Amino acid sequence: MSVRSNRSGFTLIELLVVIAIIAVLVGLLVPAVQKVREAANRMSCSNNLKQLGLALHGFMDTNNGLPANGNYTWNGSGITTTNAWSAMARILPFIEQENLFKGIDFQTGYSLQPGISSKRVATFMCPSETQDRGYGTDPVYGNKYWPTNYVVNSGTWGVLTRKSAGMVTGDGAFSPNRSFRPGDFTDGMSNTIACAEVKAHNSRLSGANISATYPAGLPVPQTPAQATSLALAPHNPAQFTHVEWVDGKVHETGFTTVFTPNTKVAWTSNGTALDVDIILATESSPGDTYAAITARSYHPSGVNGLMMDGSVRLVSSNISLANWRALGTRSGGEVIND
């Protein structure tokens, strides 16, 4: 005699309960997975900077100084770019990119060498970057340039000023025209930042007059509102910062310490809210180059920074402005308060 069961499967209520439980578990699991992924990305990012630190010290030992970030001369009426290539391009042999380096003709502008400028260099990209993609167009290579997430410390505010009267460079670890040696870092190499993270394809504002000069110097903005109140040109949606690792200009391969990491510099263009970088005149323009190029990252608590002694630290977004600017100067004599 067989016994038949009246139970044929899950009831609708039971099925809904199971789905609800699964949804709760997924809701708990996804943030945990995201945290693990971000921790791995931040570690990978830190390792990239450690490689760059070794590369910079290798370059310094070989060449008795750091690489200049572009070279410019005054020709009597304007600026001549004598070597446009970035410090990042010059250290390629020290990050196992010697073949790429050997392909560069440093006597020719990077814009005429898309076979080089279009290449993605993995060591220059943070794995958390959401816009890891090329920029510009080229009929052979598709894109003409590739961005970088790691750029050099160009100082507080002034990058290249008084161009007709001696080319005054900034107070950071790198500058146009100059190659700094260990002895130039009187603040101490452990107290001076060499490189920091930035976001690729960040919106950019330019000065309204790229020939403007400031004989008495232009005061450093103390707030984003002061920076955006300067004489600026209308926003050009096709202009970005940090999209060309080959270019030695500060808006491509540099940052300044005007504002602390991840400070939002708000600007609205045609109803769209932007977080902008500001450069009043590029190094190749006749006007004074002042720049508010902010260190930014996708890490939740700050930016990874490479110190001149080769160490890497996560610099909090909440660091005091005084300490951040002190880290940005090579010989300012400031006291850094922990």
C-alpha atoms as a PDB file:
ATOM      1  CA  MET A   1       0.000   0.000   0.000  1.00  0.00           C
ATOM      2  CA  SER A   2       1.553   3.356  -1.063  1.00  0.00           C
ATOM      3  CA  VAL A   3       1.182   6.618   0.772  1.00  0.00           C
ATOM      4  CA  ARG A   4       0.754   9.701  -1.367  1.00  0.00           C
ATOM      5  CA  SER A   5       2.008  13.081  -0.166  1.00  0.00           C
ATOM      6  CA  ASN A   6      -0.130  16.113  -0.688  1.00  0.00           C
ATOM      7  CA  ARG A   7       3.019  18.339  -0.657  1.00  0.00           C
ATOM      8  CA  SER A   8       4.165  18.942  -4.233  1.00  0.00           C
ATOM      9  CA  GLY A   9       6.699  21.810  -3.729  1.00  0.00           C
ATOM     10  CA  PHE A  10       7.244  25.278  -2.313  1.00  0.00           C
ATOM     11  CA  THR A  11       4.263  27.437  -1.680  1.00  0.00           C
ATOM     12  CA  LEU A  12       4.314  30.968  -3.064  1.00  0.00           C
ATOM     13  CA  ILE A  13       4.872  32.400   0.420  1.00  0.00           C
ATOM     14  CA  GLU A  14       7.833  30.102   1.040  1.00  0.00           C
ATOM     15  CA  LEU A  15       9.349  31.047  -2.302  1.00  0.00           C
ATOM     16  CA  LEU A  16       9.001  34.750  -1.503  1.00  0.00           C
ATOM     17  CA  VAL A  17      10.641  34.203   1.874  1.00  0.00           C
ATOM     18  CA  VAL A  18      13.589  32.433   0.257  1.00  0.00           C
ATOM     19  CA  ILE A  19      13.976  35.235  -2.298  1.00  0.00           C
ATOM     20  CA  ALA A  20      13.853  37.824   0.470  1.00  0.00           C
ATOM     21  CA  ILE A  21      16.540  35.980   2.438  1.00  0.00           C
ATOM     22  CA  ILE A  22      18.752  35.765  -0.652  1.00  0.00           C
ATOM     23  CA  ALA A  23      18.242  39.482  -1.305  1.00  0.00           C
ATOM     24  CA  VAL A  24      19.302  40.311   2.252  1.00  0.00           C
ATOM     25  CA  LEU A  25      22.390  38.124   1.964  1.00  0.00           C
ATOM     26  CA  VAL A  26      23.324  39.731  -1.353  1.00  0.00           C
ATOM     27  CA  GLY A  27      22.791  43.162   0.187  1.00  0.00           C
ATOM     28  CA  LEU A  28      25.215  42.254   2.961  1.00  0.00           C
ATOM     29  CA  LEU A  29      27.716  40.611   0.632  1.00  0.00           C
ATOM     30  CA  VAL A  30      28.035  43.278  -2.083  1.00  0.00           C
ATOM     31  CA  PRO A  31      29.396  46.050   0.197  1.00  0.00           C
ATOM     32  CA  ALA A  32      31.871  43.577   1.681  1.00  0.00           C
ATOM     33  CA  VAL A  33      33.051  42.551  -1.789  1.00  0.00           C
ATOM     34  CA  GLN A  34      33.337  46.208  -2.789  1.00  0.00           C
ATOM     35  CA  LYS A  35      35.420  46.945   0.316  1.00  0.00           C
ATOM     36  CA  VAL A  36      37.743  44.047  -0.448  1.00  0.00           C
ATOM     37  CA  ARG A  37      38.060  45.151  -4.069  1.00  0.00           C
ATOM     38  CA  GLU A  38      38.827  48.731  -3.051  1.00  0.00           C
ATOM     39  CA  ALA A  39      41.416  47.576  -0.511  1.00  0.00           C
ATOM     40  CA  ALA A  40      43.104  45.557  -3.274  1.00  0.00           C
ATOM     41  CA  ASN A  41      42.945  48.526  -5.656  1.00  0.00           C
ATOM     42  CA  ARG A  42      44.462  50.842  -3.077  1.00  0.00           C
ATOM     43  CA  MET A  43      47.280  48.376  -2.451  1.00  0.00           C
ATOM     44  CA  SER A  44      47.924  48.067  -6.191  1.00  0.00           C
ATOM     45  CA  CYS A  45      47.873  51.855  -6.472  1.00  0.00           C
ATOM     46  CA  SER A  46      50.383  52.103  -3.628  1.00  0.00           C
ATOM     47  CA  ASN A  47      52.630  49.582  -5.384  1.00  0.00           C
ATOM     48  CA  ASN A  48      52.527  51.651  -8.575  1.00  0.00           C
ATOM     49  CA  LEU A  49      53.763  54.653  -6.623  1.00  0.00           C
ATOM     50  CA  LYS A  50      56.505  52.576  -5.000  1.00  0.00           C
ATOM     51  CA  GLN A  51      57.695  51.634  -8.493  1.00  0.00           C
ATOM     52  CA  LEU A  52      57.698  55.295  -9.456  1.00  0.00           C
ATOM     53  CA  GLY A  53      59.698  56.104  -6.324  1.00  0.00           C
ATOM     54  CA  LEU A  54      62.342  53.561  -7.264  1.00  0.00           C
ATOM     55  CA  ALA A  55      62.346  54.937 -10.803  1.00  0.00           C
ATOM     56  CA  LEU A  56      62.846  58.522  -9.646  1.00  0.00           C
ATOM     57  CA  HIS A  57      65.742  57.540  -7.416  1.00  0.00           C
ATOM     58  CA  GLY A  58      67.229  55.462 -10.225  1.00  0.00           C
ATOM     59  CA  PHE A  59      66.980  58.442 -12.557  1.00  0.00           C
ATOM     60  CA  MET A  60      68.457  60.755  -9.916  1.00  0.00           C
ATOM     61  CA  ASP A  61      71.402  58.438  -9.304  1.00  0.00           C
ATOM     62  CA  THR A  62      72.078  58.085 -13.032  1.00  0.00           C
ATOM     63  CA  ASN A  63      71.596  61.720 -13.993  1.00  0.00           C
ATOM     64  CA  ASN A  64      72.596  63.485 -10.770  1.00  0.00           C
ATOM     65  CA  GLY A  65      69.154  65.045 -10.423  1.00  0.00           C
ATOM     66  CA  LEU A  66      65.440  64.639 -11.006  1.00  0.00           C
ATOM     67  CA  PRO A  67      63.942  65.028 -14.478  1.00  0.00           C
ATOM     68  CA  ALA A  68      62.610  68.434 -15.462  1.00  0.00           C
ATOM     69  CA  ASN A  69      58.906  68.516 -16.309  1.00  0.00           C
ATOM     70  CA  GLY A  70      59.261  70.245 -19.675  1.00  0.00           C
ATOM     71  CA  ASN A  71      61.778  72.825 -20.883  1.00  0.00           C
ATOM     72  CA  TYR A  72      60.985  76.357 -22.071  1.00  0.00           C
ATOM     73  CA  THR A  73      62.939  79.463 -23.079  1.00  0.00           C
ATOM     74  CA  TRP A  74      62.027  83.092 -23.674  1.00  0.00           C
ATOM     75  CA  ASN A  75      62.778  84.017 -27.286  1.00  0.00           C
ATOM     76  CA  GLY A  76      62.473  87.789 -26.889  1.00  0.00           C
ATOM     77  CA  SER A  77      58.764  88.029 -27.598  1.00  0.00           C
ATOM     78  CA  GLY A  78      57.291  84.760 -26.444  1.00  0.00           C
ATOM     79  CA  ILE A  79      57.963  81.219 -25.280  1.00  0.00           C
ATOM     80  CA  THR A  80      59.840  78.539 -27.194  1.00  0.00           C
ATOM     81  CA  THR A  81      59.215  74.989 -26.072  1.00  0.00           C
ATOM     82  CA  THR A  82      62.610  73.310 -26.249  1.00  0.00           C
ATOM     83  CA  ASN A  83      61.489  69.973 -24.805  1.00  0.00           C
ATOM     84  CA  ALA A  84      57.804  69.362 -24.144  1.00  0.00           C
ATOM     85  CA  TRP A  85      58.176  65.857 -22.709  1.00  0.00           C
ATOM     86  CA  SER A  86      57.101  65.107 -19.174  1.00  0.00           C
ATOM     87  CA  ALA A  87      59.102  63.832 -16.230  1.00  0.00           C
ATOM     88  CA  MET A  88      56.981  60.674 -16.477  1.00  0.00           C
ATOM     89  CA  ALA A  89      58.203  60.076 -20.026  1.00  0.00           C
ATOM     90  CA  ARG A  90      61.817  60.561 -18.962  1.00  0.00           C
ATOM     91  CA  ILE A  91      61.712  57.855 -16.291  1.00  0.00           C
ATOM     92  CA  LEU A  92      60.311  55.151 -18.584  1.00  0.00           C
ATOM     93  CA  PRO A  93      63.535  53.057 -18.636  1.00  0.00           C
ATOM     94  CA  PHE A  94      63.352  52.764 -14.850  1.00  0.00           C
ATOM     95  CA  ILE A  95      59.837  51.244 -14.863  1.00  0.00           C
ATOM     96  CA  GLU A  96      60.683  48.510 -17.373  1.00  0.00           C
ATOM     97  CA  GLN A  97      59.477  50.550 -20.349  1.00  0.00           C
ATOM     98  CA  GLU A  98      62.833  50.900 -22.077  1.00  0.00           C
ATOM     99  CA  ASN A  99      61.499  49.879 -25.492  1.00  0.00           C
ATOM    100  CA  LEU A 100      58.856  52.593 -25.341  1.00  0.00           C
ATOM    101  CA  PHE A 101      61.511  55.083 -24.194  1.00  0.00           C
ATOM    102  CA  LYS A 102      63.840  54.165 -27.058  1.00  0.00           C
ATOM    103  CA  GLY A 103      61.084  54.979 -29.514  1.00  0.00           C
ATOM    104  CA  ILE A 104      60.912  58.610 -28.364  1.00  0.00           C
ATOM    105  CA  ASP A 105      62.596  61.391 -30.313  1.00  0.00           C
ATOM    106  CA  PHE A 106      62.973  63.982 -27.568  1.00  0.00           C
ATOM    107  CA  GLN A 107      63.918  66.610 -30.140  1.00  0.00           C
ATOM    108  CA  THR A 108      60.424  66.336 -31.642  1.00  0.00           C
ATOM    109  CA  GLY A 109      57.132  67.196 -29.980  1.00  0.00           C
ATOM    110  CA  TYR A 110      55.025  64.405 -28.504  1.00  0.00           C
ATOM    111  CA  SER A 111      52.037  65.455 -30.637  1.00  0.00           C
ATOM    112  CA  LEU A 112      53.962  64.267 -33.704  1.00  0.00           C
ATOM    113  CA  GLN A 113      54.650  60.849 -32.195  1.00  0.00           C
ATOM    114  CA  PRO A 114      51.237  59.184 -31.693  1.00  0.00           C
ATOM    115  CA  GLY A 115      52.892  55.773 -31.683  1.00  0.00           C
ATOM    116  CA  ILE A 116      54.265  56.787 -28.279  1.00  0.00           C
ATOM    117  CA  SER A 117      51.666  59.183 -26.915  1.00  0.00           C
ATOM    118  CA  SER A 118      48.751  56.805 -27.556  1.00  0.00           C
ATOM    119  CA  LYS A 119      50.205  54.001 -25.448  1.00  0.00           C
ATOM    120  CA  ARG A 120      48.725  53.008 -22.111  1.00  0.00           C
ATOM    121  CA  VAL A 121      51.395  52.604 -19.434  1.00  0.00           C
ATOM    122  CA  ALA A 122      49.935  50.359 -16.730  1.00  0.00           C
ATOM    123  CA  THR A 123      52.192  51.740 -13.992  1.00  0.00           C
ATOM    124  CA  PHE A 124      50.690  55.199 -14.567  1.00  0.00           C
ATOM    125  CA  MET A 125      47.086  54.055 -13.979  1.00  0.00           C
ATOM    126  CA  CYS A 126      45.275  53.468 -10.683  1.00  0.00           C
ATOM    127  CA  PRO A 127      42.961  50.419 -10.866  1.00  0.00           C
ATOM    128  CA  SER A 128      40.169  52.488  -9.273  1.00  0.00           C
ATOM    129  CA  GLU A 129      40.166  54.994 -12.146  1.00  0.00           C
ATOM    130  CA  THR A 130      36.742  55.002 -13.824  1.00  0.00           C
ATOM    131  CA  GLN A 131      37.921  56.692 -17.026  1.00  0.00           C
ATOM    132  CA  ASP A 132      40.879  54.555 -17.997  1.00  0.00           C
ATOM    133  CA  ARG A 133      40.516  55.344 -21.679  1.00  0.00           C
ATOM    134  CA  GLY A 134      42.367  57.197 -24.403  1.00  0.00           C
ATOM    135  CA  TYR A 135      41.927  60.832 -25.365  1.00  0.00           C
ATOM    136  CA  GLY A 136      41.900  62.497 -28.761  1.00  0.00           C
ATOM    137  CA  THR A 137      41.806  60.719 -32.113  1.00  0.00           C
ATOM    138  CA  ASP A 138      44.414  59.325 -34.458  1.00  0.00           C
ATOM    139  CA  PRO A 139      43.754  57.599 -37.799  1.00  0.00           C
ATOM    140  CA  VAL A 140      46.266  54.837 -37.049  1.00  0.00           C
ATOM    141  CA  TYR A 141      46.151  54.322 -33.286  1.00  0.00           C
ATOM    142  CA  GLY A 142      42.557  55.320 -32.556  1.00  0.00           C
ATOM    143  CA  ASN A 143      43.285  57.560 -29.581  1.00  0.00           C
ATOM    144  CA  LYS A 144      46.177  60.027 -29.651  1.00  0.00           C
ATOM    145  CA  TYR A 145      46.942  60.150 -25.919  1.00  0.00           C
ATOM    146  CA  TRP A 146      46.501  58.137 -22.751  1.00  0.00           C
ATOM    147  CA  PRO A 147      45.998  59.617 -19.278  1.00  0.00           C
ATOM    148  CA  THR A 148      47.935  59.201 -16.046  1.00  0.00           C
ATOM    149  CA  ASN A 149      46.767  59.000 -12.434  1.00  0.00           C
ATOM    150  CA  TYR A 150      50.174  59.797 -10.934  1.00  0.00           C
ATOM    151  CA  VAL A 151      51.681  63.222 -11.366  1.00  0.00           C
ATOM    152  CA  VAL A 152      54.557  65.226  -9.918  1.00  0.00           C
ATOM    153  CA  ASN A 153      54.460  67.865  -7.207  1.00  0.00           C
ATOM    154  CA  SER A 154      54.747  71.262  -8.913  1.00  0.00           C
ATOM    155  CA  GLY A 155      54.536  73.278  -5.705  1.00  0.00           C
ATOM    156  CA  THR A 156      52.047  75.580  -4.077  1.00  0.00           C
ATOM    157  CA  TRP A 157      50.639  77.853  -6.800  1.00  0.00           C
ATOM    158  CA  GLY A 158      53.144  79.522  -9.129  1.00  0.00           C
ATOM    159  CA  VAL A 159      54.627  77.046 -11.625  1.00  0.00           C
ATOM    160  CA  LEU A 160      56.482  79.211 -14.171  1.00  0.00           C
ATOM    161  CA  THR A 161      56.291  82.999 -13.859  1.00  0.00           C
ATOM    162  CA  ARG A 162      58.185  86.135 -14.992  1.00  0.00           C
ATOM    163  CA  LYS A 163      59.047  84.361 -18.205  1.00  0.00           C
ATOM    164  CA  SER A 164      60.687  87.368 -19.830  1.00  0.00           C
ATOM    165  CA  ALA A 165      62.800  87.997 -16.735  1.00  0.00           C
ATOM    166  CA  GLY A 166      64.490  84.753 -15.844  1.00  0.00           C
ATOM    167  CA  MET A 167      61.780  82.098 -15.702  1.00  0.00           C
ATOM    168  CA  VAL A 168      60.859  81.831 -12.009  1.00  0.00           C
ATOM    169  CA  THR A 169      59.926  78.252 -11.142  1.00  0.00           C
ATOM    170  CA  GLY A 170      57.767  76.885  -8.320  1.00  0.00           C
ATOM    171  CA  ASP A 171      58.589  75.643  -4.823  1.00  0.00           C
ATOM    172  CA  GLY A 172      57.735  71.973  -5.340  1.00  0.00           C
ATOM    173  CA  ALA A 173      59.782  68.846  -5.982  1.00  0.00           C
ATOM    174  CA  PHE A 174      59.605  69.227  -9.786  1.00  0.00           C
ATOM    175  CA  SER A 175      59.450  72.149 -12.148  1.00  0.00           C
ATOM    176  CA  PRO A 176      59.986  73.108 -15.753  1.00  0.00           C
ATOM    177  CA  ASN A 177      63.604  73.728 -16.761  1.00  0.00           C
ATOM    178  CA  ARG A 178      65.167  72.645 -13.457  1.00  0.00           C
ATOM    179  CA  SER A 179      66.566  69.353 -12.226  1.00  0.00           C
ATOM    180  CA  PHE A 180      66.573  69.232  -8.432  1.00  0.00           C
ATOM    181  CA  ARG A 181      69.125  67.256  -6.416  1.00  0.00           C
ATOM    182  CA  PRO A 182      68.846  65.801  -2.916  1.00  0.00           C
ATOM    183  CA  GLY A 183      70.597  68.841  -1.472  1.00  0.00           C
ATOM    184  CA  ASP A 184      67.776  71.063  -2.753  1.00  0.00           C
ATOM    185  CA  PHE A 185      65.338  69.395  -0.347  1.00  0.00           C
ATOM    186  CA  THR A 186      66.280  71.225   2.817  1.00  0.00           C
ATOM    187  CA  ASP A 187      62.883  70.410   4.339  1.00  0.00           C
ATOM    188  CA  GLY A 188      63.945  66.765   4.198  1.00  0.00           C
ATOM    189  CA  MET A 189      63.046  64.221   1.555  1.00  0.00           C
ATOM    190  CA  SER A 190      60.733  62.426   3.984  1.00  0.00           C
ATOM    191  CA  ASN A 191      58.833  65.704   4.453  1.00  0.00           C
ATOM    192  CA  THR A 192      58.402  66.533   0.771  1.00  0.00           C
ATOM    193  CA  ILE A 193      55.874  64.880  -1.479  1.00  0.00           C
ATOM    194  CA  ALA A 194      57.074  63.796  -4.910  1.00  0.00           C
ATOM    195  CA  CYS A 195      53.938  62.459  -6.593  1.00  0.00           C
ATOM    196  CA  ALA A 196      50.250  62.157  -5.825  1.00  0.00           C
ATOM    197  CA  GLU A 197      47.126  60.756  -7.385  1.00  0.00           C
ATOM    198  CA  VAL A 198      44.792  62.701  -9.660  1.00  0.00           C
ATOM    199  CA  LYS A 199      41.667  61.827 -11.589  1.00  0.00           C
ATOM    200  CA  ALA A 200      41.907  61.479 -15.353  1.00  0.00           C
ATOM    201  CA  HIS A 201      39.682  63.492 -17.688  1.00  0.00           C
ATOM    202  CA  ASN A 202      38.958  66.123 -15.029  1.00  0.00           C
ATOM    203  CA  SER A 203      37.229  69.331 -16.130  1.00  0.00           C
ATOM    204  CA  ARG A 204      39.581  72.263 -16.723  1.00  0.00           C
ATOM    205  CA  LEU A 205      39.225  76.040 -16.620  1.00  0.00           C
ATOM    206  CA  SER A 206      41.707  78.395 -18.256  1.00  0.00           C
ATOM    207  CA  GLY A 207      42.533  82.030 -17.612  1.00  0.00           C
ATOM    208  CA  ALA A 208      40.670  84.685 -19.543  1.00  0.00           C
ATOM    209  CA  ASN A 209      43.981  86.255 -20.651  1.00  0.00           C
ATOM    210  CA  ILE A 210      46.858  83.821 -21.218  1.00  0.00           C
ATOM    211  CA  SER A 211      49.270  86.753 -21.611  1.00  0.00           C
ATOM    212  CA  ALA A 212      48.529  88.206 -18.173  1.00  0.00           C
ATOM    213  CA  THR A 213      51.533  88.775 -15.875  1.00  0.00           C
ATOM    214  CA  TYR A 214      51.652  89.666 -12.197  1.00  0.00           C
ATOM    215  CA  PRO A 215      54.898  91.509 -11.362  1.00  0.00           C
ATOM    216  CA  ALA A 216      54.062  91.580  -7.651  1.00  0.00           C
ATOM    217  CA  GLY A 217      52.965  87.937  -7.659  1.00  0.00           C
ATOM    218  CA  LEU A 218      49.455  86.573  -7.442  1.00  0.00           C
ATOM    219  CA  PRO A 219      48.305  85.595  -3.927  1.00  0.00           C
ATOM    220  CA  VAL A 220      47.495  81.945  -3.362  1.00  0.00           C
ATOM    221  CA  PRO A 221      43.717  81.364  -3.210  1.00  0.00           C
ATOM    222  CA  GLN A 222      42.642  80.258   0.243  1.00  0.00           C
ATOM    223  CA  THR A 223      39.266  78.861  -0.783  1.00  0.00           C
ATOM    224  CA  PRO A 224      37.804  77.359  -3.959  1.00  0.00           C
ATOM    225  CA  ALA A 225      35.543  80.406  -4.247  1.00  0.00           C
ATOM    226  CA  GLN A 226      38.600  82.680  -4.369  1.00  0.00           C
ATOM    227  CA  ALA A 227      40.092  80.550  -7.136  1.00  0.00           C
ATOM    228  CA  THR A 228      36.949  80.540  -9.259  1.00  0.00           C
ATOM    229  CA  SER A 229      36.541  84.310  -8.787  1.00  0.00           C
ATOM    230  CA  LEU A 230      39.732  84.931 -10.796  1.00  0.00           C
ATOM    231  CA  ALA A 231      39.473  86.082 -14.407  1.00  0.00           C
ATOM    232  CA  LEU A 232      38.620  82.826 -16.137  1.00  0.00           C
ATOM    233  CA  ALA A 233      37.562  81.941 -19.646  1.00  0.00           C
ATOM    234  CA  PRO A 234      34.209  80.230 -20.253  1.00  0.00           C
ATOM    235  CA  HIS A 235      34.305  76.501 -19.635  1.00  0.00           C
ATOM    236  CA  ASN A 236      35.317  74.490 -22.677  1.00  0.00           C
ATOM    237  CA  PRO A 237      33.810  70.985 -22.360  1.00  0.00           C
ATOM    238  CA  ALA A 238      36.579  69.598 -24.594  1.00  0.00           C
ATOM    239  CA  GLN A 239      39.355  70.651 -22.201  1.00  0.00           C
ATOM    240  CA  PHE A 240      40.492  68.288 -19.467  1.00  0.00           C
ATOM    241  CA  THR A 241      43.396  67.713 -17.150  1.00  0.00           C
ATOM    242  CA  HIS A 242      45.587  64.618 -16.855  1.00  0.00           C
ATOM    243  CA  VAL A 243      44.808  63.016 -20.190  1.00  0.00           C
ATOM    244  CA  GLU A 244      48.354  63.071 -21.662  1.00  0.00           C
ATOM    245  CA  TRP A 245      51.149  61.319 -19.742  1.00  0.00           C
ATOM    246  CA  VAL A 246      53.647  62.530 -22.342  1.00  0.00           C
ATOM    247  CA  ASP A 247      53.053  66.249 -21.734  1.00  0.00           C
ATOM    248  CA  GLY A 248      55.192  68.118 -19.202  1.00  0.00           C
ATOM    249  CA  LYS A 249      52.646  70.838 -18.525  1.00  0.00           C
ATOM    250  CA  VAL A 250      51.303  71.033 -14.991  1.00  0.00           C
ATOM    251  CA  HIS A 251      47.701  70.408 -16.007  1.00  0.00           C
ATOM    252  CA  GLU A 252      48.734  67.096 -17.581  1.00  0.00           C
ATOM    253  CA  THR A 253      51.460  65.654 -15.352  1.00  0.00           C
ATOM    254  CA  GLY A 254      51.510  67.880 -12.290  1.00  0.00           C
ATOM    255  CA  PHE A 255      49.510  68.961  -9.267  1.00  0.00           C
ATOM    256  CA  THR A 256      49.719  71.879  -6.870  1.00  0.00           C
ATOM    257  CA  THR A 257      48.933  72.148  -3.178  1.00  0.00           C
ATOM    258  CA  VAL A 258      46.578  75.133  -3.382  1.00  0.00           C
ATOM    259  CA  PHE A 259      43.847  72.887  -1.950  1.00  0.00           C
ATOM    260  CA  THR A 260      43.959  69.727   0.143  1.00  0.00           C
ATOM    261  CA  PRO A 261      43.287  66.330  -1.478  1.00  0.00           C
ATOM    262  CA  ASN A 262      39.806  65.798  -2.905  1.00  0.00           C
ATOM    263  CA  THR A 263      38.744  69.396  -2.252  1.00  0.00           C
ATOM    264  CA  LYS A 264      35.808  70.160  -4.528  1.00  0.00           C
ATOM    265  CA  VAL A 265      36.374  73.239  -6.673  1.00  0.00           C
ATOM    266  CA  ALA A 266      32.808  73.824  -7.797  1.00  0.00           C
ATOM    267  CA  TRP A 267      31.873  75.341 -11.137  1.00  0.00           C
ATOM    268  CA  THR A 268      28.580  75.209 -13.016  1.00  0.00           C
ATOM    269  CA  SER A 269      28.582  75.121 -16.806  1.00  0.00           C
ATOM    270  CA  ASN A 270      25.280  75.111 -18.705  1.00  0.00           C
ATOM    271  CA  GLY A 271      23.512  73.726 -15.668  1.00  0.00           C
ATOM    272  CA  THR A 272      26.073  70.973 -15.066  1.00  0.00           C
ATOM    273  CA  ALA A 273      27.923  70.947 -11.735  1.00  0.00           C
ATOM    274  CA  LEU A 274      31.657  70.343 -12.188  1.00  0.00           C
ATOM    275  CA  ASP A 275      34.698  69.831  -9.974  1.00  0.00           C
ATOM    276  CA  VAL A 276      37.398  71.738 -11.834  1.00  0.00           C
ATOM    277  CA  ASP A 277      41.123  72.297 -12.102  1.00  0.00           C
ATOM    278  CA  ILE A 278      42.322  75.819 -12.920  1.00  0.00           C
ATOM    279  CA  ILE A 279      45.353  76.984 -14.896  1.00  0.00           C
ATOM    280  CA  LEU A 280      45.626  80.677 -15.739  1.00  0.00           C
ATOM    281  CA  ALA A 281      48.181  80.262 -18.540  1.00  0.00           C
ATOM    282  CA  THR A 282      50.087  77.188 -19.687  1.00  0.00           C
ATOM    283  CA  GLU A 283      53.874  77.073 -19.479  1.00  0.00           C
ATOM    284  CA  SER A 284      54.118  77.606 -23.239  1.00  0.00           C
ATOM    285  CA  SER A 285      51.962  80.768 -23.036  1.00  0.00           C
ATOM    286  CA  PRO A 286      53.519  84.214 -22.477  1.00  0.00           C
ATOM    287  CA  GLY A 287      51.513  84.810 -19.311  1.00  0.00           C
ATOM    288  CA  ASP A 288      52.406  83.685 -15.797  1.00  0.00           C
ATOM    289  CA  THR A 289      51.579  80.047 -15.090  1.00  0.00           C
ATOM    290  CA  TYR A 290      49.588  79.786 -11.872  1.00  0.00           C
ATOM    291  CA  ALA A 291      47.625  76.602 -11.297  1.00  0.00           C
ATOM    292  CA  ALA A 292      45.175  75.095  -8.835  1.00  0.00           C
ATOM    293  CA  ILE A 293      45.484  71.447  -9.835  1.00  0.00           C
ATOM    294  CA  THR A 294      44.063  69.358  -7.009  1.00  0.00           C
ATOM    295  CA  ALA A 295      45.167  65.867  -5.957  1.00  0.00           C
ATOM    296  CA  ARG A 296      42.139  63.584  -6.251  1.00  0.00           C
ATOM    297  CA  SER A 297      41.386  59.876  -6.111  1.00  0.00           C
ATOM    298  CA  TYR A 298      38.548  57.368  -6.016  1.00  0.00           C
ATOM    299  CA  HIS A 299      39.774  55.980  -2.687  1.00  0.00           C
ATOM    300  CA  PRO A 300      37.270  56.809   0.054  1.00  0.00           C
ATOM    301  CA  SER A 301      39.573  58.465   2.602  1.00  0.00           C
ATOM    302  CA  GLY A 302      42.330  60.295   0.756  1.00  0.00           C
ATOM    303  CA  VAL A 303      44.992  60.022  -1.940  1.00  0.00           C
ATOM    304  CA  ASN A 304      48.098  57.892  -2.112  1.00  0.00           C
ATOM    305  CA  GLY A 305      51.214  60.021  -2.075  1.00  0.00           C
ATOM    306  CA  LEU A 306      54.848  59.211  -2.835  1.00  0.00           C
ATOM    307  CA  MET A 307      57.363  61.010  -0.654  1.00  0.00           C
ATOM    308  CA  MET A 308      60.763  62.026  -1.952  1.00  0.00           C
ATOM    309  CA  ASP A 309      62.442  59.400   0.228  1.00  0.00           C
ATOM    310  CA  GLY A 310      60.543  56.694  -1.681  1.00  0.00           C
ATOM    311  CA  SER A 311      57.946  55.927   0.985  1.00  0.00           C
ATOM    312  CA  VAL A 312      54.240  55.841   0.139  1.00  0.00           C
ATOM    313  CA  ARG A 313      51.487  57.003   2.454  1.00  0.00           C
ATOM    314  CA  LEU A 314      47.753  57.566   2.252  1.00  0.00           C
ATOM    315  CA  VAL A 315      47.269  61.302   2.722  1.00  0.00           C
ATOM    316  CA  SER A 316      43.929  61.998   4.366  1.00  0.00           C
ATOM    317  CA  SER A 317      41.457  64.322   2.685  1.00  0.00           C
ATOM    318  CA  ASN A 318      41.186  65.922   6.137  1.00  0.00           C
ATOM    319  CA  ILE A 319      44.850  66.924   6.362  1.00  0.00           C
ATOM    320  CA  SER A 320      45.226  70.561   7.373  1.00  0.00           C
ATOM    321  CA  LEU A 321      45.931  72.978   4.554  1.00  0.00           C
ATOM    322  CA  ALA A 322      49.082  74.181   6.350  1.00  0.00           C
ATOM    323  CA  ASN A 323      50.483  70.644   6.561  1.00  0.00           C
ATOM    324  CA  TRP A 324      49.545  69.830   2.970  1.00  0.00           C
ATOM    325  CA  ARG A 325      51.293  72.929   1.668  1.00  0.00           C
ATOM    326  CA  ALA A 326      54.287  72.191   3.899  1.00  0.00           C
ATOM    327  CA  LEU A 327      54.563  68.732   2.328  1.00  0.00           C
ATOM    328  CA  GLY A 328      54.469  70.394  -1.084  1.00  0.00           C
ATOM    329  CA  THR A 329      57.522  72.628  -0.620  1.00  0.00           C
ATOM    330  CA  ARG A 330      61.082  71.356  -0.936  1.00  0.00           C
ATOM    331  CA  SER A 331      62.734  74.134   1.079  1.00  0.00           C
ATOM    332  CA  GLY A 332      60.020  76.167   2.772  1.00  0.00           C
ATOM    333  CA  GLY A 333      61.251  75.565   6.297  1.00  0.00           C
ATOM    334  CA  GLU A 334      57.736  74.857   7.581  1.00  0.00           C
ATOM    335  CA  VAL A 335      57.002  72.740  10.630  1.00  0.00           C
ATOM    336  CA  ILE A 336      54.654  69.851   9.931  1.00  0.00           C
ATOM    337  CA  ASN A 337      52.320  69.272  12.871  1.00  0.00           C
ATOM    338  CA  ASP A 338      51.073  65.696  13.184  1.00  0.00           C
END
